[in-house]
């Protein structure tokens, strides 16, 4: 497990956390952060996928604003992270950073994408725009409804919480109906249910969503 450097198409250099499996990788995964940066939790997520046999990279997309940002889950940190994601970043540049991570992994195995919260939105947009991807799994991406006209170029699945006040169920229904070929899973859980550092963590929902994502990756990232 180490920090590496990636170079985007516009020559911007950003850091990334890399988690390496103990044996030969059975595929590669790009993990896209929440609005809290590549923090302790995201590194744990990466390590978890590496333990399943994948080579994993989490690009620090907040580096465009300020290098080394790691936030906690208190209200002040949450507002700071949302402010950076919505006010300081441009999606065009963020997609370049995601593409840099994909390009780093291409040749090492098929590449899947998974993102959480803000990363769930970025995953959805990247699935429709990035090259070199084999599949994508998006977790509770706020703002996807505003990008519902996009169509993923690779197999994609989505996860939402029925109790998520940030993403109304009517939006989830519209997303589901707009993309009949994209499985949309809804859990009896709140926003951020995958993160065991948050009060909204839901073990049952997180476990089931992870099982589905791992099964999906096994199907699309196998050699």
Foldseek 3Di string as FASTA:
>chain_A
DDKDWFAFPVRDIFIKDKAAAPDQAQFEEEEEEALQWCAPQVVVVRNVVSPVRYIYIYTGLLVQVPHPGGFADDPVSVVVSVCCLPPVDDLVVSLRRVLRVLVVCPVSFAYEYEYAACGLLSQQVNQQPHPRHAEYEGEAYQPVLVVLVGDGPHAYEYEYECAEPRQHVVSVVVSCVSHVRYHYYYDPFYGPCLGPSDPRPDVVSNVVSVVVVVVVCCVRTGD
